[in-house]
Each structure stands twice: as structure tokens, then as C-alpha cells.
Protein backbone atom coordinates (compact mmCIF):
# COMPACT_ATOMS: atom_id res chain seq x y z
CA MET A 1 99.40 103.80 28.22
CA PHE A 2 100.10 107.14 29.91
CA TRP A 3 97.39 106.56 32.53
CA LYS A 4 98.81 103.17 33.44
CA ILE A 5 102.13 104.88 34.20
CA VAL A 6 100.27 107.47 36.29
CA LEU A 7 98.54 104.61 38.13
CA VAL A 8 101.83 102.84 38.87
CA VAL A 9 103.48 106.07 40.03
CA GLY A 10 100.52 106.65 42.34
CA ILE A 11 100.78 103.17 43.81
CA LEU A 12 104.51 103.53 44.37
CA GLY A 13 104.01 106.93 45.98
CA VAL A 14 101.38 105.55 48.33
CA LEU A 15 103.73 102.76 49.36
CA LEU A 16 106.58 105.23 49.89
CA GLY A 17 104.33 107.54 51.92
CA LEU A 18 103.15 104.65 54.08
CA ALA A 19 106.72 103.48 54.67
CA VAL A 20 108.03 106.92 55.63
CA THR A 21 105.06 107.70 57.85
CA GLY A 22 105.13 104.30 59.52
CA ILE A 23 108.84 104.42 60.27
CA SER A 24 108.62 108.00 61.53
CA VAL A 25 105.69 107.16 63.83
CA ALA A 26 107.52 104.09 65.12
CA LEU A 27 110.74 105.96 65.95
CA PRO A 28 109.60 107.60 69.24
CA ILE A 29 107.89 104.39 70.35
CA VAL A 30 110.81 102.05 69.62
CA ASN A 31 113.63 104.44 70.36
CA GLY A 32 112.10 105.82 73.56
CA PRO A 33 114.07 108.61 75.17
CA HIS A 34 116.41 109.20 72.22
CA THR A 35 113.79 110.43 69.74
CA SER A 36 111.05 112.88 70.59
CA TRP A 37 107.76 113.35 68.76
CA GLU A 38 108.95 116.77 67.61
CA GLU A 39 111.93 115.17 65.91
CA ALA A 40 109.73 112.48 64.39
CA MET A 41 107.45 115.15 62.89
CA PHE A 42 110.23 115.92 60.37
CA GLY A 43 109.42 112.54 58.80
CA ILE A 44 105.70 112.29 59.58
CA VAL A 45 104.61 115.52 57.87
CA PRO A 46 106.38 114.91 54.52
CA GLY A 47 105.33 111.25 54.63
CA VAL A 48 101.66 112.16 55.02
CA PHE A 49 101.98 114.80 52.31
CA VAL A 50 103.46 112.28 49.86
CA LEU A 51 100.79 109.75 50.88
CA VAL A 52 97.90 112.14 50.22
CA VAL A 53 99.23 113.50 46.92
CA SER A 54 100.08 110.03 45.68
CA PHE A 55 96.66 108.75 46.65
CA PHE A 56 95.03 111.42 44.48
CA ILE A 57 97.38 110.57 41.61
CA PHE A 58 96.49 106.90 42.03
CA VAL A 59 92.76 107.64 42.00
CA ILE A 60 93.02 109.83 38.91
CA GLY A 61 95.07 107.16 37.11
CA LEU A 62 92.61 104.45 38.13
CA ILE A 63 89.62 106.45 36.89
CA PHE A 64 91.18 107.06 33.48
CA VAL A 65 92.39 103.45 33.10
CA ILE A 66 88.88 102.16 33.83
CA LYS A 67 87.36 104.81 31.55
CA ASN A 68 89.70 103.89 28.67
CA ARG A 69 88.98 100.15 29.00
CA ARG A 70 85.32 100.72 28.21
CA LYS A 71 86.14 102.30 24.84
């Protein structure tokens, strides 16, 4: 049961990381002269960090859920 919770937290973290990174990357493109890439980096860097860490949490949870199903 614990590993299913880890798996769900990993999935939600990946979705959150994708949303934050996507919005932060789109800001300079959509908002042109008002937002620079340097300002957008304040959202891109944490978004990518959350995305990477959550992906590893997701993979670990997935491995243990699959491993526990075989028992």
C-alpha cells in the first residue's frame, strides 16, 4: 500500500513539474518584451528540479508496486 502512495505522489509531482516548467518556458514567448528569459528561469529551474526528483520517485514506486504484485 505504501508503494502505491509513493507511485501516486511521483505521478502528481511529474505533472506539477511539467506544468510549472511549461508555463515558465511559455512566459517569454507569449509575453514578449515584458518577461525576459532570466526572469523565467526562476520558474524553469525549480520546475525541472521537481520534475526530475518526482520522476525518480515515480520509477521507484513503480518498481516496488510491480515487484510486490508478483508475490
